[in-house]
Amino acid sequence: MNTDFFETKDGSLILKIKAIPGASKTEFAGVHDGRLRVRIAAAPEDGRANACLTAFLAKTLGCSKRELVIKSGERSRLKTVYLPQRCLEKASALVPASRPYGGGCPGESANYANEQE
């Protein structure tokens, strides 16, 4: 299994992500060039894609959105995201996972408001 897209450091899990905004649905799209590719069903405007990515990762990895920090790449497709190390087990299983996110993105679904913490 290719797990080059994450590492652990100082009690944190660091994910290297290539975001692909404007997709038809939010889902994992494999690993390429050492980064986890994530298709995002939100436009890269006004932080919508970052909010959708954060919500997707939090739901998938069982963390709260407050625990995820985009350390670099706020305005780039190449992002580095810090999470609590307890997410390591679920993160290492992401490569075979390719299921869409049914929760929607901010502003796109009535369900999203119910999922926010």
PDB file of N, CA and C in Angstrom:
ATOM      1  N   MET A   1       0.846  -1.174   0.000  1.00  0.00           N
ATOM      2  CA  MET A   1       0.000   0.000   0.000  1.00  0.00           C
ATOM      3  C   MET A   1       0.896   1.245   0.000  1.00  0.00           C
ATOM      4  N   ASN A   2       0.562   2.232  -0.818  1.00  0.00           N
ATOM      5  CA  ASN A   2       1.306   3.472  -0.920  1.00  0.00           C
ATOM      6  C   ASN A   2       0.834   4.436   0.163  1.00  0.00           C
ATOM      7  N   THR A   3       1.687   4.701   1.130  1.00  0.00           N
ATOM      8  CA  THR A   3       1.326   5.611   2.214  1.00  0.00           C
ATOM      9  C   THR A   3       2.272   6.805   2.263  1.00  0.00           C
ATOM     10  N   ASP A   4       2.848   7.166   1.110  1.00  0.00           N
ATOM     11  CA  ASP A   4       3.755   8.306   1.046  1.00  0.00           C
ATOM     12  C   ASP A   4       3.057   9.630   1.327  1.00  0.00           C
ATOM     13  N   PHE A   5       1.748   9.657   1.272  1.00  0.00           N
ATOM     14  CA  PHE A   5       1.002  10.900   1.400  1.00  0.00           C
ATOM     15  C   PHE A   5       0.828  11.357   2.842  1.00  0.00           C
ATOM     16  N   PHE A   6       1.277  10.567   3.817  1.00  0.00           N
ATOM     17  CA  PHE A   6       1.174  11.025   5.204  1.00  0.00           C
ATOM     18  C   PHE A   6       2.418  10.663   5.996  1.00  0.00           C
ATOM     19  N   GLU A   7       2.608  11.407   7.070  1.00  0.00           N
ATOM     20  CA  GLU A   7       3.693  11.132   8.008  1.00  0.00           C
ATOM     21  C   GLU A   7       3.238  11.580   9.390  1.00  0.00           C
ATOM     22  N   THR A   8       3.935  11.135  10.394  1.00  0.00           N
ATOM     23  CA  THR A   8       3.643  11.578  11.752  1.00  0.00           C
ATOM     24  C   THR A   8       4.820  12.393  12.252  1.00  0.00           C
ATOM     25  N   LYS A   9       4.500  13.451  12.998  1.00  0.00           N
ATOM     26  CA  LYS A   9       5.547  14.321  13.516  1.00  0.00           C
ATOM     27  C   LYS A   9       5.007  15.078  14.720  1.00  0.00           C
ATOM     28  N   ASP A  10       5.737  15.042  15.814  1.00  0.00           N
ATOM     29  CA  ASP A  10       5.382  15.802  17.021  1.00  0.00           C
ATOM     30  C   ASP A  10       3.940  15.568  17.467  1.00  0.00           C
ATOM     31  N   GLY A  11       3.487  14.327  17.414  1.00  0.00           N
ATOM     32  CA  GLY A  11       2.145  14.005  17.874  1.00  0.00           C
ATOM     33  C   GLY A  11       1.033  14.370  16.907  1.00  0.00           C
ATOM     34  N   SER A  12       1.386  14.743  15.679  1.00  0.00           N
ATOM     35  CA  SER A  12       0.388  15.082  14.672  1.00  0.00           C
ATOM     36  C   SER A  12       0.534  14.177  13.461  1.00  0.00           C
ATOM     37  N   LEU A  13      -0.557  14.007  12.765  1.00  0.00           N
ATOM     38  CA  LEU A  13      -0.572  13.301  11.491  1.00  0.00           C
ATOM     39  C   LEU A  13      -0.570  14.378  10.414  1.00  0.00           C
ATOM     40  N   ILE A  14       0.338  14.274   9.475  1.00  0.00           N
ATOM     41  CA  ILE A  14       0.462  15.269   8.415  1.00  0.00           C
ATOM     42  C   ILE A  14       0.067  14.615   7.096  1.00  0.00           C
ATOM     43  N   LEU A  15      -0.985  15.134   6.476  1.00  0.00           N
ATOM     44  CA  LEU A  15      -1.441  14.635   5.173  1.00  0.00           C
ATOM     45  C   LEU A  15      -0.986  15.586   4.079  1.00  0.00           C
ATOM     46  N   LYS A  16      -0.434  15.026   3.007  1.00  0.00           N
ATOM     47  CA  LYS A  16      -0.090  15.807   1.821  1.00  0.00           C
ATOM     48  C   LYS A  16      -1.197  15.546   0.806  1.00  0.00           C
ATOM     49  N   ILE A  17      -1.874  16.602   0.402  1.00  0.00           N
ATOM     50  CA  ILE A  17      -3.077  16.475  -0.426  1.00  0.00           C
ATOM     51  C   ILE A  17      -2.946  17.286  -1.703  1.00  0.00           C
ATOM     52  N   LYS A  18      -3.471  16.732  -2.779  1.00  0.00           N
ATOM     53  CA  LYS A  18      -3.690  17.495  -4.001  1.00  0.00           C
ATOM     54  C   LYS A  18      -5.193  17.625  -4.143  1.00  0.00           C
ATOM     55  N   ALA A  19      -5.699  18.847  -3.986  1.00  0.00           N
ATOM     56  CA  ALA A  19      -7.127  19.111  -4.079  1.00  0.00           C
ATOM     57  C   ALA A  19      -7.514  19.381  -5.528  1.00  0.00           C
ATOM     58  N   ILE A  20      -8.654  18.840  -5.913  1.00  0.00           N
ATOM     59  CA  ILE A  20      -9.178  19.044  -7.260  1.00  0.00           C
ATOM     60  C   ILE A  20     -10.585  19.621  -7.107  1.00  0.00           C
ATOM     61  N   PRO A  21     -10.695  20.960  -7.016  1.00  0.00           N
ATOM     62  CA  PRO A  21     -12.002  21.578  -6.804  1.00  0.00           C
ATOM     63  C   PRO A  21     -12.862  21.543  -8.065  1.00  0.00           C
ATOM     64  N   GLY A  22     -14.164  21.753  -7.870  1.00  0.00           N
ATOM     65  CA  GLY A  22     -15.096  21.807  -8.981  1.00  0.00           C
ATOM     66  C   GLY A  22     -15.523  20.443  -9.496  1.00  0.00           C
ATOM     67  N   ALA A  23     -15.317  19.391  -8.723  1.00  0.00           N
ATOM     68  CA  ALA A  23     -15.713  18.041  -9.141  1.00  0.00           C
ATOM     69  C   ALA A  23     -17.211  17.846  -8.948  1.00  0.00           C
ATOM     70  N   SER A  24     -17.747  16.799  -9.519  1.00  0.00           N
ATOM     71  CA  SER A  24     -19.177  16.529  -9.386  1.00  0.00           C
ATOM     72  C   SER A  24     -19.536  16.002  -8.001  1.00  0.00           C
ATOM     73  N   LYS A  25     -18.569  15.366  -7.316  1.00  0.00           N
ATOM     74  CA  LYS A  25     -18.790  14.894  -5.951  1.00  0.00           C
ATOM     75  C   LYS A  25     -17.467  14.896  -5.213  1.00  0.00           C
ATOM     76  N   THR A  26     -17.517  14.943  -3.897  1.00  0.00           N
ATOM     77  CA  THR A  26     -16.320  14.940  -3.075  1.00  0.00           C
ATOM     78  C   THR A  26     -15.946  13.494  -2.783  1.00  0.00           C
ATOM     79  N   GLU A  27     -14.705  13.129  -3.157  1.00  0.00           N
ATOM     80  CA  GLU A  27     -14.256  11.756  -2.995  1.00  0.00           C
ATOM     81  C   GLU A  27     -12.738  11.678  -3.090  1.00  0.00           C
ATOM     82  N   PHE A  28     -12.186  10.579  -2.603  1.00  0.00           N
ATOM     83  CA  PHE A  28     -10.766  10.315  -2.773  1.00  0.00           C
ATOM     84  C   PHE A  28     -10.544   9.830  -4.195  1.00  0.00           C
ATOM     85  N   ALA A  29      -9.401  10.202  -4.761  1.00  0.00           N
ATOM     86  CA  ALA A  29      -9.102   9.829  -6.136  1.00  0.00           C
ATOM     87  C   ALA A  29      -7.725   9.185  -6.246  1.00  0.00           C
ATOM     88  N   GLY A  30      -7.310   8.479  -5.197  1.00  0.00           N
ATOM     89  CA  GLY A  30      -6.044   7.757  -5.231  1.00  0.00           C
ATOM     90  C   GLY A  30      -4.870   8.596  -4.766  1.00  0.00           C
ATOM     91  N   VAL A  31      -3.677   8.083  -5.035  1.00  0.00           N
ATOM     92  CA  VAL A  31      -2.440   8.752  -4.650  1.00  0.00           C
ATOM     93  C   VAL A  31      -1.612   8.946  -5.907  1.00  0.00           C
ATOM     94  N   HIS A  32      -1.066  10.150  -6.062  1.00  0.00           N
ATOM     95  CA  HIS A  32      -0.225  10.439  -7.217  1.00  0.00           C
ATOM     96  C   HIS A  32       0.874  11.407  -6.789  1.00  0.00           C
ATOM     97  N   ASP A  33       2.094  11.111  -7.162  1.00  0.00           N
ATOM     98  CA  ASP A  33       3.251  11.946  -6.812  1.00  0.00           C
ATOM     99  C   ASP A  33       3.347  12.207  -5.316  1.00  0.00           C
ATOM    100  N   GLY A  34       3.062  11.201  -4.496  1.00  0.00           N
ATOM    101  CA  GLY A  34       3.212  11.320  -3.055  1.00  0.00           C
ATOM    102  C   GLY A  34       2.149  12.157  -2.366  1.00  0.00           C
ATOM    103  N   ARG A  35       1.048  12.407  -3.053  1.00  0.00           N
ATOM    104  CA  ARG A  35      -0.045  13.191  -2.467  1.00  0.00           C
ATOM    105  C   ARG A  35      -1.364  12.450  -2.636  1.00  0.00           C
ATOM    106  N   LEU A  36      -2.197  12.548  -1.624  1.00  0.00           N
ATOM    107  CA  LEU A  36      -3.541  11.986  -1.679  1.00  0.00           C
ATOM    108  C   LEU A  36      -4.399  12.938  -2.504  1.00  0.00           C
ATOM    109  N   ARG A  37      -4.951  12.445  -3.595  1.00  0.00           N
ATOM    110  CA  ARG A  37      -5.801  13.282  -4.446  1.00  0.00           C
ATOM    111  C   ARG A  37      -7.229  13.242  -3.914  1.00  0.00           C
ATOM    112  N   VAL A  38      -7.813  14.424  -3.767  1.00  0.00           N
ATOM    113  CA  VAL A  38      -9.183  14.540  -3.275  1.00  0.00           C
ATOM    114  C   VAL A  38      -9.956  15.434  -4.237  1.00  0.00           C
ATOM    115  N   ARG A  39     -10.978  14.863  -4.866  1.00  0.00           N
ATOM    116  CA  ARG A  39     -11.893  15.655  -5.693  1.00  0.00           C
ATOM    117  C   ARG A  39     -12.866  16.345  -4.758  1.00  0.00           C
ATOM    118  N   ILE A  40     -13.110  17.640  -5.007  1.00  0.00           N
ATOM    119  CA  ILE A  40     -13.942  18.432  -4.104  1.00  0.00           C
ATOM    120  C   ILE A  40     -15.096  19.046  -4.882  1.00  0.00           C
ATOM    121  N   ALA A  41     -16.313  18.815  -4.384  1.00  0.00           N
ATOM    122  CA  ALA A  41     -17.525  19.321  -5.031  1.00  0.00           C
ATOM    123  C   ALA A  41     -17.829  20.732  -4.563  1.00  0.00           C
ATOM    124  N   ALA A  42     -16.871  21.605  -4.712  1.00  0.00           N
ATOM    125  CA  ALA A  42     -17.052  23.020  -4.376  1.00  0.00           C
ATOM    126  C   ALA A  42     -16.080  23.817  -5.225  1.00  0.00           C
ATOM    127  N   ALA A  43     -16.470  25.032  -5.523  1.00  0.00           N
ATOM    128  CA  ALA A  43     -15.607  25.906  -6.308  1.00  0.00           C
ATOM    129  C   ALA A  43     -14.494  26.467  -5.419  1.00  0.00           C
ATOM    130  N   PRO A  44     -13.352  26.776  -6.022  1.00  0.00           N
ATOM    131  CA  PRO A  44     -12.258  27.349  -5.238  1.00  0.00           C
ATOM    132  C   PRO A  44     -12.443  28.857  -5.037  1.00  0.00           C
ATOM    133  N   GLU A  45     -13.570  29.225  -4.486  1.00  0.00           N
ATOM    134  CA  GLU A  45     -13.898  30.635  -4.265  1.00  0.00           C
ATOM    135  C   GLU A  45     -14.295  30.851  -2.817  1.00  0.00           C
ATOM    136  N   ASP A  46     -13.802  31.935  -2.240  1.00  0.00           N
ATOM    137  CA  ASP A  46     -14.187  32.332  -0.875  1.00  0.00           C
ATOM    138  C   ASP A  46     -13.997  31.218   0.154  1.00  0.00           C
ATOM    139  N   GLY A  47     -13.023  30.353  -0.031  1.00  0.00           N
ATOM    140  CA  GLY A  47     -12.738  29.302   0.935  1.00  0.00           C
ATOM    141  C   GLY A  47     -13.693  28.126   0.903  1.00  0.00           C
ATOM    142  N   ARG A  48     -14.577  28.076  -0.095  1.00  0.00           N
ATOM    143  CA  ARG A  48     -15.557  26.978  -0.162  1.00  0.00           C
ATOM    144  C   ARG A  48     -14.895  25.614  -0.320  1.00  0.00           C
ATOM    145  N   ALA A  49     -13.903  25.525  -1.192  1.00  0.00           N
ATOM    146  CA  ALA A  49     -13.236  24.231  -1.412  1.00  0.00           C
ATOM    147  C   ALA A  49     -12.499  23.784  -0.148  1.00  0.00           C
ATOM    148  N   ASN A  50     -11.840  24.709   0.546  1.00  0.00           N
ATOM    149  CA  ASN A  50     -11.158  24.348   1.794  1.00  0.00           C
ATOM    150  C   ASN A  50     -12.150  23.892   2.851  1.00  0.00           C
ATOM    151  N   ALA A  51     -13.291  24.568   2.959  1.00  0.00           N
ATOM    152  CA  ALA A  51     -14.311  24.168   3.937  1.00  0.00           C
ATOM    153  C   ALA A  51     -14.860  22.786   3.606  1.00  0.00           C
ATOM    154  N   CYS A  52     -15.072  22.522   2.334  1.00  0.00           N
ATOM    155  CA  CYS A  52     -15.578  21.215   1.915  1.00  0.00           C
ATOM    156  C   CYS A  52     -14.533  20.129   2.192  1.00  0.00           C
ATOM    157  N   LEU A  53     -13.273  20.409   1.888  1.00  0.00           N
ATOM    158  CA  LEU A  53     -12.201  19.456   2.152  1.00  0.00           C
ATOM    159  C   LEU A  53     -12.108  19.152   3.645  1.00  0.00           C
ATOM    160  N   THR A  54     -12.160  20.183   4.466  1.00  0.00           N
ATOM    161  CA  THR A  54     -12.080  20.005   5.912  1.00  0.00           C
ATOM    162  C   THR A  54     -13.244  19.161   6.429  1.00  0.00           C
ATOM    163  N   ALA A  55     -14.453  19.460   5.965  1.00  0.00           N
ATOM    164  CA  ALA A  55     -15.628  18.691   6.399  1.00  0.00           C
ATOM    165  C   ALA A  55     -15.510  17.228   5.963  1.00  0.00           C
ATOM    166  N   PHE A  56     -15.049  17.010   4.749  1.00  0.00           N
ATOM    167  CA  PHE A  56     -14.899  15.658   4.209  1.00  0.00           C
ATOM    168  C   PHE A  56     -13.867  14.853   5.011  1.00  0.00           C
ATOM    169  N   LEU A  57     -12.701  15.449   5.242  1.00  0.00           N
ATOM    170  CA  LEU A  57     -11.660  14.747   6.000  1.00  0.00           C
ATOM    171  C   LEU A  57     -12.104  14.474   7.433  1.00  0.00           C
ATOM    172  N   ALA A  58     -12.744  15.444   8.060  1.00  0.00           N
ATOM    173  CA  ALA A  58     -13.199  15.257   9.447  1.00  0.00           C
ATOM    174  C   ALA A  58     -14.186  14.104   9.534  1.00  0.00           C
ATOM    175  N   LYS A  59     -15.144  14.075   8.630  1.00  0.00           N
ATOM    176  CA  LYS A  59     -16.150  13.012   8.653  1.00  0.00           C
ATOM    177  C   LYS A  59     -15.511  11.651   8.357  1.00  0.00           C
ATOM    178  N   THR A  60     -14.636  11.601   7.378  1.00  0.00           N
ATOM    179  CA  THR A  60     -14.008  10.350   6.969  1.00  0.00           C
ATOM    180  C   THR A  60     -13.060   9.798   8.032  1.00  0.00           C
ATOM    181  N   LEU A  61     -12.310  10.682   8.688  1.00  0.00           N
ATOM    182  CA  LEU A  61     -11.287  10.249   9.646  1.00  0.00           C
ATOM    183  C   LEU A  61     -11.767  10.250  11.086  1.00  0.00           C
ATOM    184  N   GLY A  62     -12.998  10.665  11.323  1.00  0.00           N
ATOM    185  CA  GLY A  62     -13.544  10.632  12.668  1.00  0.00           C
ATOM    186  C   GLY A  62     -12.977  11.701  13.590  1.00  0.00           C
ATOM    187  N   CYS A  63     -12.596  12.813  13.038  1.00  0.00           N
ATOM    188  CA  CYS A  63     -12.067  13.933  13.821  1.00  0.00           C
ATOM    189  C   CYS A  63     -13.081  15.072  13.779  1.00  0.00           C
ATOM    190  N   SER A  64     -12.902  16.052  14.624  1.00  0.00           N
ATOM    191  CA  SER A  64     -13.743  17.241  14.515  1.00  0.00           C
ATOM    192  C   SER A  64     -13.055  18.206  13.549  1.00  0.00           C
ATOM    193  N   LYS A  65     -13.833  19.059  12.920  1.00  0.00           N
ATOM    194  CA  LYS A  65     -13.276  20.028  11.981  1.00  0.00           C
ATOM    195  C   LYS A  65     -12.309  20.977  12.676  1.00  0.00           C
ATOM    196  N   ARG A  66     -12.519  21.222  13.947  1.00  0.00           N
ATOM    197  CA  ARG A  66     -11.625  22.104  14.703  1.00  0.00           C
ATOM    198  C   ARG A  66     -10.236  21.502  14.858  1.00  0.00           C
ATOM    199  N   GLU A  67     -10.128  20.189  14.783  1.00  0.00           N
ATOM    200  CA  GLU A  67      -8.842  19.519  14.965  1.00  0.00           C
ATOM    201  C   GLU A  67      -7.982  19.521  13.697  1.00  0.00           C
ATOM    202  N   LEU A  68      -8.581  19.799  12.554  1.00  0.00           N
ATOM    203  CA  LEU A  68      -7.854  19.826  11.292  1.00  0.00           C
ATOM    204  C   LEU A  68      -7.319  21.225  11.032  1.00  0.00           C
ATOM    205  N   VAL A  69      -6.068  21.293  10.626  1.00  0.00           N
ATOM    206  CA  VAL A  69      -5.454  22.584  10.342  1.00  0.00           C
ATOM    207  C   VAL A  69      -4.772  22.498   8.978  1.00  0.00           C
ATOM    208  N   ILE A  70      -5.144  23.390   8.060  1.00  0.00           N
ATOM    209  CA  ILE A  70      -4.446  23.474   6.784  1.00  0.00           C
ATOM    210  C   ILE A  70      -3.212  24.338   7.037  1.00  0.00           C
ATOM    211  N   LYS A  71      -2.047  23.683   7.147  1.00  0.00           N
ATOM    212  CA  LYS A  71      -0.801  24.385   7.490  1.00  0.00           C
ATOM    213  C   LYS A  71      -0.227  25.134   6.304  1.00  0.00           C
ATOM    214  N   SER A  72      -0.371  24.566   5.115  1.00  0.00           N
ATOM    215  CA  SER A  72       0.110  25.260   3.921  1.00  0.00           C
ATOM    216  C   SER A  72      -0.806  24.909   2.760  1.00  0.00           C
ATOM    217  N   GLY A  73      -0.895  25.837   1.822  1.00  0.00           N
ATOM    218  CA  GLY A  73      -1.702  25.604   0.634  1.00  0.00           C
ATOM    219  C   GLY A  73      -3.121  26.129   0.709  1.00  0.00           C
ATOM    220  N   GLU A  74      -3.391  27.091   1.577  1.00  0.00           N
ATOM    221  CA  GLU A  74      -4.749  27.657   1.671  1.00  0.00           C
ATOM    222  C   GLU A  74      -5.267  28.086   0.307  1.00  0.00           C
ATOM    223  N   ARG A  75      -4.396  28.635  -0.520  1.00  0.00           N
ATOM    224  CA  ARG A  75      -4.796  29.141  -1.834  1.00  0.00           C
ATOM    225  C   ARG A  75      -4.174  28.339  -2.972  1.00  0.00           C
ATOM    226  N   SER A  76      -3.803  27.115  -2.669  1.00  0.00           N
ATOM    227  CA  SER A  76      -3.154  26.255  -3.654  1.00  0.00           C
ATOM    228  C   SER A  76      -3.859  24.907  -3.698  1.00  0.00           C
ATOM    229  N   ARG A  77      -3.660  24.181  -4.774  1.00  0.00           N
ATOM    230  CA  ARG A  77      -4.196  22.823  -4.849  1.00  0.00           C
ATOM    231  C   ARG A  77      -3.352  21.846  -4.034  1.00  0.00           C
ATOM    232  N   LEU A  78      -2.089  22.182  -3.824  1.00  0.00           N
ATOM    233  CA  LEU A  78      -1.199  21.345  -3.029  1.00  0.00           C
ATOM    234  C   LEU A  78      -1.267  21.819  -1.584  1.00  0.00           C
ATOM    235  N   LYS A  79      -1.801  20.974  -0.718  1.00  0.00           N
ATOM    236  CA  LYS A  79      -2.048  21.342   0.671  1.00  0.00           C
ATOM    237  C   LYS A  79      -1.344  20.399   1.627  1.00  0.00           C
ATOM    238  N   THR A  80      -1.021  20.921   2.797  1.00  0.00           N
ATOM    239  CA  THR A  80      -0.505  20.120   3.894  1.00  0.00           C
ATOM    240  C   THR A  80      -1.460  20.319   5.063  1.00  0.00           C
ATOM    241  N   VAL A  81      -2.050  19.217   5.521  1.00  0.00           N
ATOM    242  CA  VAL A  81      -3.073  19.276   6.567  1.00  0.00           C
ATOM    243  C   VAL A  81      -2.580  18.523   7.792  1.00  0.00           C
ATOM    244  N   TYR A  82      -2.686  19.149   8.953  1.00  0.00           N
ATOM    245  CA  TYR A  82      -2.315  18.531  10.233  1.00  0.00           C
ATOM    246  C   TYR A  82      -3.575  18.042  10.931  1.00  0.00           C
ATOM    247  N   LEU A  83      -3.505  16.821  11.468  1.00  0.00           N
ATOM    248  CA  LEU A  83      -4.606  16.207  12.203  1.00  0.00           C
ATOM    249  C   LEU A  83      -4.051  15.554  13.463  1.00  0.00           C
ATOM    250  N   PRO A  84      -4.933  15.191  14.404  1.00  0.00           N
ATOM    251  CA  PRO A  84      -4.447  14.447  15.573  1.00  0.00           C
ATOM    252  C   PRO A  84      -3.928  13.074  15.133  1.00  0.00           C
ATOM    253  N   GLN A  85      -2.916  12.579  15.807  1.00  0.00           N
ATOM    254  CA  GLN A  85      -2.304  11.308  15.430  1.00  0.00           C
ATOM    255  C   GLN A  85      -3.278  10.137  15.566  1.00  0.00           C
ATOM    256  N   ARG A  86      -4.325  10.289  16.364  1.00  0.00           N
ATOM    257  CA  ARG A  86      -5.287   9.194  16.516  1.00  0.00           C
ATOM    258  C   ARG A  86      -6.000   8.876  15.200  1.00  0.00           C
ATOM    259  N   CYS A  87      -5.880   9.723  14.204  1.00  0.00           N
ATOM    260  CA  CYS A  87      -6.492   9.491  12.893  1.00  0.00           C
ATOM    261  C   CYS A  87      -5.616   8.623  11.989  1.00  0.00           C
ATOM    262  N   LEU A  88      -4.449   8.218  12.483  1.00  0.00           N
ATOM    263  CA  LEU A  88      -3.482   7.481  11.669  1.00  0.00           C
ATOM    264  C   LEU A  88      -4.053   6.202  11.068  1.00  0.00           C
ATOM    265  N   GLU A  89      -4.745   5.406  11.869  1.00  0.00           N
ATOM    266  CA  GLU A  89      -5.267   4.129  11.371  1.00  0.00           C
ATOM    267  C   GLU A  89      -6.230   4.335  10.206  1.00  0.00           C
ATOM    268  N   LYS A  90      -7.135   5.273  10.341  1.00  0.00           N
ATOM    269  CA  LYS A  90      -8.080   5.526   9.252  1.00  0.00           C
ATOM    270  C   LYS A  90      -7.379   6.149   8.049  1.00  0.00           C
ATOM    271  N   ALA A  91      -6.391   6.990   8.282  1.00  0.00           N
ATOM    272  CA  ALA A  91      -5.668   7.615   7.170  1.00  0.00           C
ATOM    273  C   ALA A  91      -4.902   6.584   6.357  1.00  0.00           C
ATOM    274  N   SER A  92      -4.329   5.590   7.008  1.00  0.00           N
ATOM    275  CA  SER A  92      -3.568   4.583   6.282  1.00  0.00           C
ATOM    276  C   SER A  92      -4.474   3.696   5.424  1.00  0.00           C
ATOM    277  N   ALA A  93      -5.757   3.694   5.712  1.00  0.00           N
ATOM    278  CA  ALA A  93      -6.710   2.904   4.924  1.00  0.00           C
ATOM    279  C   ALA A  93      -7.346   3.720   3.806  1.00  0.00           C
ATOM    280  N   LEU A  94      -6.919   4.951   3.592  1.00  0.00           N
ATOM    281  CA  LEU A  94      -7.543   5.810   2.594  1.00  0.00           C
ATOM    282  C   LEU A  94      -7.261   5.406   1.156  1.00  0.00           C
ATOM    283  N   VAL A  95      -6.143   4.783   0.901  1.00  0.00           N
ATOM    284  CA  VAL A  95      -5.786   4.465  -0.480  1.00  0.00           C
ATOM    285  C   VAL A  95      -6.854   3.628  -1.170  1.00  0.00           C
ATOM    286  N   PRO A  96      -7.335   2.522  -0.592  1.00  0.00           N
ATOM    287  CA  PRO A  96      -8.375   1.772  -1.281  1.00  0.00           C
ATOM    288  C   PRO A  96      -9.740   2.446  -1.210  1.00  0.00           C
ATOM    289  N   ALA A  97      -9.909   3.405  -0.318  1.00  0.00           N
ATOM    290  CA  ALA A  97     -11.208   4.065  -0.181  1.00  0.00           C
ATOM    291  C   ALA A  97     -11.418   5.013  -1.347  1.00  0.00           C
ATOM    292  N   SER A  98     -12.563   4.936  -1.959  1.00  0.00           N
ATOM    293  CA  SER A  98     -12.888   5.830  -3.059  1.00  0.00           C
ATOM    294  C   SER A  98     -14.379   6.119  -3.058  1.00  0.00           C
ATOM    295  N   ARG A  99     -14.941   6.208  -1.872  1.00  0.00           N
ATOM    296  CA  ARG A  99     -16.378   6.415  -1.788  1.00  0.00           C
ATOM    297  C   ARG A  99     -16.696   7.911  -1.766  1.00  0.00           C
ATOM    298  N   PRO A 100     -17.798   8.308  -2.360  1.00  0.00           N
ATOM    299  CA  PRO A 100     -18.169   9.713  -2.339  1.00  0.00           C
ATOM    300  C   PRO A 100     -18.655  10.127  -0.954  1.00  0.00           C
ATOM    301  N   TYR A 101     -18.582  11.385  -0.708  1.00  0.00           N
ATOM    302  CA  TYR A 101     -19.015  11.973   0.560  1.00  0.00           C
ATOM    303  C   TYR A 101     -20.453  12.411   0.401  1.00  0.00           C
ATOM    304  N   GLY A 102     -21.354  11.843   1.164  1.00  0.00           N
ATOM    305  CA  GLY A 102     -22.765  12.153   1.035  1.00  0.00           C
ATOM    306  C   GLY A 102     -23.222  13.353   1.825  1.00  0.00           C
ATOM    307  N   GLY A 103     -22.344  13.970   2.600  1.00  0.00           N
ATOM    308  CA  GLY A 103     -22.746  15.070   3.465  1.00  0.00           C
ATOM    309  C   GLY A 103     -22.860  16.411   2.792  1.00  0.00           C
ATOM    310  N   GLY A 104     -22.371  16.546   1.574  1.00  0.00           N
ATOM    311  CA  GLY A 104     -22.415  17.824   0.892  1.00  0.00           C
ATOM    312  C   GLY A 104     -21.328  18.756   1.378  1.00  0.00           C
ATOM    313  N   CYS A 105     -21.302  19.922   0.788  1.00  0.00           N
ATOM    314  CA  CYS A 105     -20.314  20.930   1.136  1.00  0.00           C
ATOM    315  C   CYS A 105     -21.026  22.149   1.686  1.00  0.00           C
ATOM    316  N   PRO A 106     -20.302  23.037   2.345  1.00  0.00           N
ATOM    317  CA  PRO A 106     -20.928  24.218   2.920  1.00  0.00           C
ATOM    318  C   PRO A 106     -21.771  24.970   1.898  1.00  0.00           C
ATOM    319  N   GLY A 107     -22.995  25.262   2.277  1.00  0.00           N
ATOM    320  CA  GLY A 107     -23.886  26.008   1.410  1.00  0.00           C
ATOM    321  C   GLY A 107     -24.561  25.205   0.324  1.00  0.00           C
ATOM    322  N   GLU A 108     -24.256  23.910   0.216  1.00  0.00           N
ATOM    323  CA  GLU A 108     -24.808  23.105  -0.859  1.00  0.00           C
ATOM    324  C   GLU A 108     -25.854  22.110  -0.391  1.00  0.00           C
ATOM    325  N   SER A 109     -26.011  21.941   0.916  1.00  0.00           N
ATOM    326  CA  SER A 109     -26.918  20.925   1.411  1.00  0.00           C
ATOM    327  C   SER A 109     -27.521  21.327   2.741  1.00  0.00           C
ATOM    328  N   ALA A 110     -28.762  21.003   2.936  1.00  0.00           N
ATOM    329  CA  ALA A 110     -29.400  21.262   4.221  1.00  0.00           C
ATOM    330  C   ALA A 110     -28.797  20.360   5.294  1.00  0.00           C
ATOM    331  N   ASN A 111     -28.286  19.200   4.903  1.00  0.00           N
ATOM    332  CA  ASN A 111     -27.682  18.275   5.862  1.00  0.00           C
ATOM    333  C   ASN A 111     -26.403  18.816   6.458  1.00  0.00           C
ATOM    334  N   TYR A 112     -25.699  19.685   5.731  1.00  0.00           N
ATOM    335  CA  TYR A 112     -24.415  20.176   6.200  1.00  0.00           C
ATOM    336  C   TYR A 112     -24.561  20.940   7.508  1.00  0.00           C
ATOM    337  N   ALA A 113     -25.591  21.741   7.628  1.00  0.00           N
ATOM    338  CA  ALA A 113     -25.793  22.519   8.846  1.00  0.00           C
ATOM    339  C   ALA A 113     -25.956  21.609  10.062  1.00  0.00           C
ATOM    340  N   ASN A 114     -26.566  20.450   9.872  1.00  0.00           N
ATOM    341  CA  ASN A 114     -26.762  19.513  10.965  1.00  0.00           C
ATOM    342  C   ASN A 114     -25.475  18.804  11.353  1.00  0.00           C
ATOM    343  N   GLU A 115     -24.488  18.741  10.434  1.00  0.00           N
ATOM    344  CA  GLU A 115     -23.250  18.033  10.707  1.00  0.00           C
ATOM    345  C   GLU A 115     -22.211  18.908  11.362  1.00  0.00           C
ATOM    346  N   GLN A 116     -22.349  20.226  11.282  1.00  0.00           N
ATOM    347  CA  GLN A 116     -21.345  21.105  11.864  1.00  0.00           C
ATOM    348  C   GLN A 116     -21.321  20.964  13.362  1.00  0.00           C
ATOM    349  N   GLU A 117     -20.118  21.157  13.903  1.00  0.00           N
ATOM    350  CA  GLU A 117     -19.962  21.022  15.357  1.00  0.00           C
ATOM    351  C   GLU A 117     -19.976  22.369  16.011  1.00  0.00           C
TER     352      GLU A 117
END
